[in-house]
N, C-alpha and C. Protein backbone atom coordinates (compact mmCIF):
# COMPACT_ATOMS: atom_id res chain seq x y z
N MET A 1 -8.94 4.28 -16.16
CA MET A 1 -7.97 4.34 -16.71
C MET A 1 -8.09 3.28 -17.78
N PRO A 2 -7.11 4.05 -18.97
CA PRO A 2 -7.05 2.86 -20.36
C PRO A 2 -5.99 1.89 -19.69
N VAL A 3 -7.04 0.77 -20.83
CA VAL A 3 -5.83 -0.07 -21.13
C VAL A 3 -4.76 -0.16 -21.85
N VAL A 4 -3.29 -0.07 -21.48
CA VAL A 4 -1.91 0.10 -21.39
C VAL A 4 -1.11 -1.55 -22.19
N GLU A 5 -0.56 -1.73 -22.85
CA GLU A 5 0.03 -2.83 -22.56
C GLU A 5 1.29 -2.44 -23.90
N GLU A 6 2.10 -2.66 -23.46
CA GLU A 6 3.76 -2.41 -24.42
C GLU A 6 4.42 -3.30 -23.85
N CYS A 7 5.90 -3.15 -24.55
CA CYS A 7 6.85 -4.30 -24.65
C CYS A 7 8.18 -3.55 -24.89
N CYS A 8 8.84 -3.55 -23.74
CA CYS A 8 10.02 -3.45 -24.14
C CYS A 8 11.67 -4.54 -23.03
N THR A 9 12.42 -4.05 -23.51
CA THR A 9 13.61 -5.08 -23.79
C THR A 9 14.11 -4.77 -21.94
N ILE A 10 14.77 -5.68 -21.45
CA ILE A 10 15.90 -5.75 -20.45
C ILE A 10 17.00 -5.94 -20.95
N THR A 11 18.00 -4.64 -20.18
CA THR A 11 19.39 -4.67 -20.79
C THR A 11 20.37 -6.01 -20.23
N ALA A 12 21.00 -5.67 -20.55
CA ALA A 12 22.23 -6.57 -19.64
C ALA A 12 22.39 -6.70 -18.38
N LYS A 13 21.78 -4.87 -18.25
CA LYS A 13 22.54 -4.89 -16.37
C LYS A 13 20.58 -4.55 -15.93
N GLY A 14 20.35 -5.49 -16.76
CA GLY A 14 18.60 -5.28 -15.94
C GLY A 14 17.69 -4.38 -15.69
N GLN A 15 18.36 -3.27 -16.56
CA GLN A 15 17.23 -2.16 -16.71
C GLN A 15 16.14 -2.40 -17.83
N THR A 16 15.34 -1.52 -18.05
CA THR A 16 14.18 -1.32 -18.89
C THR A 16 14.21 0.27 -18.97
N THR A 17 13.23 0.65 -20.14
CA THR A 17 12.83 1.91 -20.81
C THR A 17 11.29 1.92 -20.61
N VAL A 18 10.91 2.13 -18.95
CA VAL A 18 9.24 2.51 -19.29
C VAL A 18 8.94 2.95 -20.47
N PRO A 19 8.30 2.48 -21.22
CA PRO A 19 7.60 2.98 -22.61
C PRO A 19 6.49 4.81 -22.32
N LYS A 20 6.87 5.37 -23.05
CA LYS A 20 6.05 6.70 -22.72
C LYS A 20 4.63 6.84 -22.79
N SER A 21 3.92 5.72 -23.45
CA SER A 21 1.87 5.29 -23.11
C SER A 21 2.32 5.11 -21.72
N VAL A 22 2.83 4.33 -21.42
CA VAL A 22 3.01 4.02 -19.72
C VAL A 22 3.31 4.52 -19.19
N ARG A 23 3.93 5.52 -18.73
CA ARG A 23 4.41 7.14 -17.84
C ARG A 23 2.94 7.82 -17.87
N GLN A 24 3.20 8.15 -19.28
CA GLN A 24 1.56 9.05 -19.48
C GLN A 24 0.42 8.10 -18.86
N ALA A 25 -0.07 7.18 -18.90
CA ALA A 25 -1.03 6.37 -18.70
C ALA A 25 -1.01 6.51 -17.03
N LEU A 26 0.35 6.21 -16.26
CA LEU A 26 0.65 6.51 -14.96
C LEU A 26 0.61 7.69 -14.18
N GLY A 27 0.72 8.94 -15.47
CA GLY A 27 0.49 10.00 -15.09
C GLY A 27 2.19 10.18 -14.21
N VAL A 28 3.34 9.97 -14.67
CA VAL A 28 4.32 10.07 -14.15
C VAL A 28 5.80 10.30 -15.34
N GLY A 29 6.58 11.31 -15.12
CA GLY A 29 7.21 11.55 -15.75
C GLY A 29 8.80 11.59 -15.05
N TYR A 30 9.72 12.57 -15.85
CA TYR A 30 11.06 12.34 -15.15
C TYR A 30 11.30 12.68 -13.74
N GLY A 31 11.85 11.40 -12.86
CA GLY A 31 12.17 11.76 -11.54
C GLY A 31 10.89 10.98 -10.96
N GLY A 32 9.98 10.80 -11.88
CA GLY A 32 8.61 9.85 -10.81
C GLY A 32 9.22 9.17 -10.34
N ARG A 33 8.52 8.35 -9.61
CA ARG A 33 8.44 6.85 -9.26
C ARG A 33 7.73 6.25 -9.42
N ILE A 34 7.79 4.50 -9.77
CA ILE A 34 6.97 3.90 -9.85
C ILE A 34 6.95 2.27 -9.15
N ALA A 35 6.40 1.27 -8.68
CA ALA A 35 6.18 0.49 -7.82
C ALA A 35 6.02 -0.92 -8.95
N PHE A 36 6.71 -1.75 -8.19
CA PHE A 36 6.41 -3.29 -9.30
C PHE A 36 6.07 -3.95 -8.02
N ARG A 37 4.98 -4.79 -8.66
CA ARG A 37 4.22 -5.76 -7.28
C ARG A 37 4.29 -6.94 -8.40
N VAL A 38 4.97 -7.98 -7.70
CA VAL A 38 4.82 -9.56 -8.09
C VAL A 38 3.83 -10.72 -7.57
N GLU A 39 2.86 -10.97 -7.87
CA GLU A 39 2.12 -12.18 -7.61
C GLU A 39 2.13 -12.81 -8.27
N GLY A 40 3.03 -14.34 -7.93
CA GLY A 40 2.95 -15.09 -8.86
C GLY A 40 3.59 -15.07 -9.99
N ASP A 41 2.95 -15.17 -11.45
CA ASP A 41 3.78 -14.72 -12.79
C ASP A 41 3.31 -13.43 -13.22
N GLN A 42 2.31 -13.09 -12.12
CA GLN A 42 2.17 -11.65 -12.82
C GLN A 42 2.86 -10.80 -11.93
N VAL A 43 3.11 -9.50 -13.12
CA VAL A 43 3.84 -8.49 -12.58
C VAL A 43 2.62 -7.23 -12.90
N THR A 44 2.30 -6.60 -11.32
CA THR A 44 1.45 -4.65 -12.10
C THR A 44 2.84 -3.52 -11.57
N VAL A 45 2.36 -2.80 -12.09
CA VAL A 45 2.87 -1.27 -11.45
C VAL A 45 2.24 0.24 -11.56
N HIS A 46 2.79 0.77 -10.74
CA HIS A 46 1.73 1.76 -10.28
C HIS A 46 2.72 2.63 -9.79
N ALA A 47 2.08 4.13 -9.74
CA ALA A 47 2.83 5.20 -9.94
C ALA A 47 2.69 5.59 -7.91
N LEU A 48 4.04 6.00 -7.57
CA LEU A 48 4.62 6.01 -6.10
C LEU A 48 4.32 7.86 -5.73
N ARG A 49 2.86 8.43 -5.65
CA ARG A 49 2.91 9.69 -5.69
C ARG A 49 4.26 10.38 -4.34
N ASP A 50 4.55 11.49 -4.32
CA ASP A 50 5.28 11.54 -3.16
C ASP A 50 4.79 12.02 -1.90
N ASP A 51 3.52 12.20 -1.48
CA ASP A 51 2.58 12.44 -0.42
C ASP A 51 2.90 11.17 0.23
N ALA A 52 2.94 10.32 -0.42
CA ALA A 52 2.49 9.13 0.13
C ALA A 52 4.10 8.22 1.33
N PRO A 53 3.76 8.47 2.34
CA PRO A 53 4.72 8.02 3.30
C PRO A 53 5.20 6.17 2.97
N HIS A 54 6.63 6.60 2.86
CA HIS A 54 7.22 5.41 2.50
C HIS A 54 7.73 4.61 3.77
N ASP A 55 7.23 3.43 4.43
CA ASP A 55 7.69 2.49 5.19
C ASP A 55 8.05 1.19 4.42
N PRO A 56 9.55 0.78 4.53
CA PRO A 56 9.85 -0.39 3.75
C PRO A 56 9.70 -1.38 4.19
N ALA A 57 9.36 -1.85 5.38
CA ALA A 57 9.22 -2.40 6.48
C ALA A 57 7.41 -2.96 6.82
N LEU A 58 6.20 -2.05 5.93
CA LEU A 58 5.22 -2.68 5.85
C LEU A 58 5.07 -3.56 4.97
N ALA A 59 5.19 -3.01 3.77
CA ALA A 59 4.66 -4.36 2.87
C ALA A 59 5.12 -5.81 2.95
N PRO A 60 6.64 -5.81 3.33
CA PRO A 60 6.36 -6.90 3.64
C PRO A 60 5.72 -7.45 4.81
N PHE A 61 5.40 -6.60 5.87
CA PHE A 61 4.93 -7.33 7.31
C PHE A 61 3.42 -7.58 6.43
N LEU A 62 2.69 -6.85 5.80
CA LEU A 62 1.21 -7.01 5.42
C LEU A 62 1.50 -8.37 4.47
N ALA A 63 2.59 -8.92 4.41
CA ALA A 63 2.68 -9.89 3.03
C ALA A 63 2.52 -10.82 3.95
N LEU A 64 3.56 -10.95 4.73
CA LEU A 64 3.83 -12.27 5.83
C LEU A 64 2.36 -12.65 6.49
N LEU A 65 1.36 -11.10 7.20
CA LEU A 65 0.07 -11.23 7.77
C LEU A 65 -0.65 -12.26 6.96
N GLU A 66 -0.91 -11.32 5.40
CA GLU A 66 -1.71 -12.55 4.40
C GLU A 66 -1.20 -13.28 4.61
N ALA A 67 -0.32 -14.45 4.10
CA ALA A 67 0.39 -15.74 4.07
C ALA A 67 -0.22 -16.19 5.46
N ASP A 68 -0.22 -15.76 6.36
CA ASP A 68 -0.18 -16.05 7.57
C ASP A 68 -1.71 -16.44 7.72
N ILE A 69 -2.40 -15.38 7.61
CA ILE A 69 -3.85 -15.25 7.51
C ILE A 69 -4.10 -16.60 6.50
N ALA A 70 -4.32 -16.76 5.38
CA ALA A 70 -4.48 -17.63 4.12
C ALA A 70 -4.26 -19.08 4.48
N ALA A 71 -2.45 -19.44 5.40
CA ALA A 71 -2.50 -20.64 5.27
C ALA A 71 -3.56 -21.01 6.67
N ARG A 72 -3.44 -19.89 7.32
CA ARG A 72 -4.02 -20.50 8.86
C ARG A 72 -5.17 -19.96 9.44
N PRO A 73 -6.32 -19.86 8.19
CA PRO A 73 -7.50 -19.17 8.58
C PRO A 73 -8.57 -19.54 10.04
N ASP A 74 -8.09 -20.98 10.41
CA ASP A 74 -8.75 -21.12 11.60
C ASP A 74 -8.49 -20.60 13.04
N ALA A 75 -6.74 -19.50 12.85
CA ALA A 75 -6.46 -18.91 14.07
C ALA A 75 -6.95 -17.96 14.23
N LEU A 76 -7.64 -17.19 13.29
CA LEU A 76 -8.63 -15.56 13.71
C LEU A 76 -8.97 -15.99 15.02
N ILE A 77 -9.01 -15.10 15.63
CA ILE A 77 -10.12 -15.06 17.03
C ILE A 77 -10.91 -13.19 17.19
N PRO A 78 -12.18 -13.48 16.64
CA PRO A 78 -12.52 -12.42 16.43
C PRO A 78 -12.98 -11.55 18.16
N LEU A 79 -12.84 -10.43 17.87
CA LEU A 79 -12.81 -9.45 19.14
C LEU A 79 -13.96 -10.24 19.99
N GLY A 80 -13.75 -10.34 21.47
CA GLY A 80 -15.13 -10.68 22.08
C GLY A 80 -16.06 -9.47 22.76
N GLY A 81 -17.04 -9.97 23.22
CA GLY A 81 -17.68 -8.52 22.92
C GLY A 81 -17.13 -7.30 24.25
N THR A 82 -16.97 -8.28 25.11
CA THR A 82 -16.32 -7.12 26.13
C THR A 82 -15.11 -6.32 25.41
N MET A 83 -14.41 -6.73 25.07
CA MET A 83 -13.21 -5.53 23.95
C MET A 83 -13.60 -4.91 23.08
N GLY A 84 -14.94 -4.98 22.05
CA GLY A 84 -15.62 -4.88 21.64
C GLY A 84 -16.43 -3.69 21.99
N ALA A 85 -17.05 -4.04 22.94
CA ALA A 85 -18.26 -2.98 23.97
C ALA A 85 -17.10 -1.94 24.10
N GLN A 86 -15.78 -2.39 24.77
CA GLN A 86 -14.58 -1.23 25.09
C GLN A 86 -14.48 -0.56 24.54
N MET A 87 -14.13 -0.71 23.24
CA MET A 87 -13.49 0.34 22.15
C MET A 87 -14.63 1.01 21.67
N ASP A 88 -16.20 0.51 21.37
CA ASP A 88 -17.31 1.62 21.02
C ASP A 88 -17.48 2.47 22.31
N ALA A 89 -17.22 2.12 23.08
CA ALA A 89 -17.28 3.31 24.69
C ALA A 89 -16.08 4.59 24.43
N LEU A 90 -14.81 4.03 24.00
CA LEU A 90 -14.14 4.64 23.77
C LEU A 90 -13.81 6.15 22.87
N ALA A 91 -14.64 5.44 22.22
CA ALA A 91 -14.56 6.15 20.66
C ALA A 91 -16.11 7.25 21.07
N ARG A 92 -16.72 7.06 21.69
CA ARG A 92 -18.12 7.29 21.34
C ARG A 92 -18.65 8.93 21.28
N ASP A 93 -17.44 9.04 21.65
CA ASP A 93 -17.45 10.84 21.99
C ASP A 93 -16.42 11.40 21.02
N ILE A 94 -15.93 10.82 19.97
CA ILE A 94 -14.79 11.14 19.37
C ILE A 94 -15.45 12.24 18.05
N GLY A 95 -16.48 11.88 17.33
CA GLY A 95 -17.05 11.92 16.26
C GLY A 95 -16.42 11.81 15.25
N GLU A 96 -16.54 13.10 14.19
CA GLU A 96 -15.72 12.83 13.34
C GLU A 96 -14.51 13.03 13.60
N VAL A 97 -13.63 12.31 12.30
CA VAL A 97 -12.50 12.43 12.63
C VAL A 97 -11.05 12.94 11.38
N ASP A 98 -10.59 14.55 11.43
CA ASP A 98 -10.12 14.68 10.30
C ASP A 98 -8.81 13.88 10.05
N LEU A 99 -8.38 13.06 8.77
CA LEU A 99 -6.53 12.54 9.34
C LEU A 99 -5.98 13.38 8.74
N ASP A 100 -6.11 14.61 8.27
CA ASP A 100 -5.22 14.99 7.55
C ASP A 100 -4.66 16.24 8.22
N GLU A 101 -6.02 16.42 9.19
CA GLU A 101 -5.29 17.63 10.02
C GLU A 101 -4.27 17.51 11.27
N ALA A 102 -3.72 18.18 11.58
CA ALA A 102 -2.34 18.30 12.09
C ALA A 102 -2.57 18.15 13.80
N ILE A 103 -1.59 17.34 14.06
CA ILE A 103 -1.00 17.03 15.73
C ILE A 103 -1.11 17.98 16.37
N GLU A 104 -1.50 18.64 17.58
CA GLU A 104 -1.23 19.33 17.79
C GLU A 104 -0.72 19.00 19.74
N GLY A 105 0.53 19.60 19.79
CA GLY A 105 1.36 19.36 20.65
C GLY A 105 2.24 18.00 20.48
N GLU A 106 2.92 17.33 21.80
CA GLU A 106 3.98 16.20 21.84
C GLU A 106 3.82 15.18 21.19
N VAL A 107 4.02 14.29 19.89
CA VAL A 107 3.76 13.23 20.22
C VAL A 107 4.65 12.07 20.30
N ALA A 108 5.26 11.50 21.16
CA ALA A 108 5.35 10.15 21.46
C ALA A 108 5.05 9.31 21.04
N LEU A 109 6.14 8.09 19.95
CA LEU A 109 5.64 6.72 19.66
C LEU A 109 6.67 5.66 19.97
């Protein structure tokens, strides 16, 4: 992706216009969606694709998990040999998995 840097002004209502060159670089147009990510004093913007599921709780949960791991790396416990072996045994005969394939039958979460 090409490097694009544009400046814009924020209105009194906190609104701005995403510059045309940025919209083009992200491949978004009218009705398209973008996401802002703030890390420290840096902000990145990326396009949201319509086919991507959106879970409003996922990003905050992952951020919490990341912060906890960073603050307490000593609290991480590797999987024990028995659990790893059990997981391998359960998955041994599965083979290739197509994550885009439709699920047959009823699914309860």
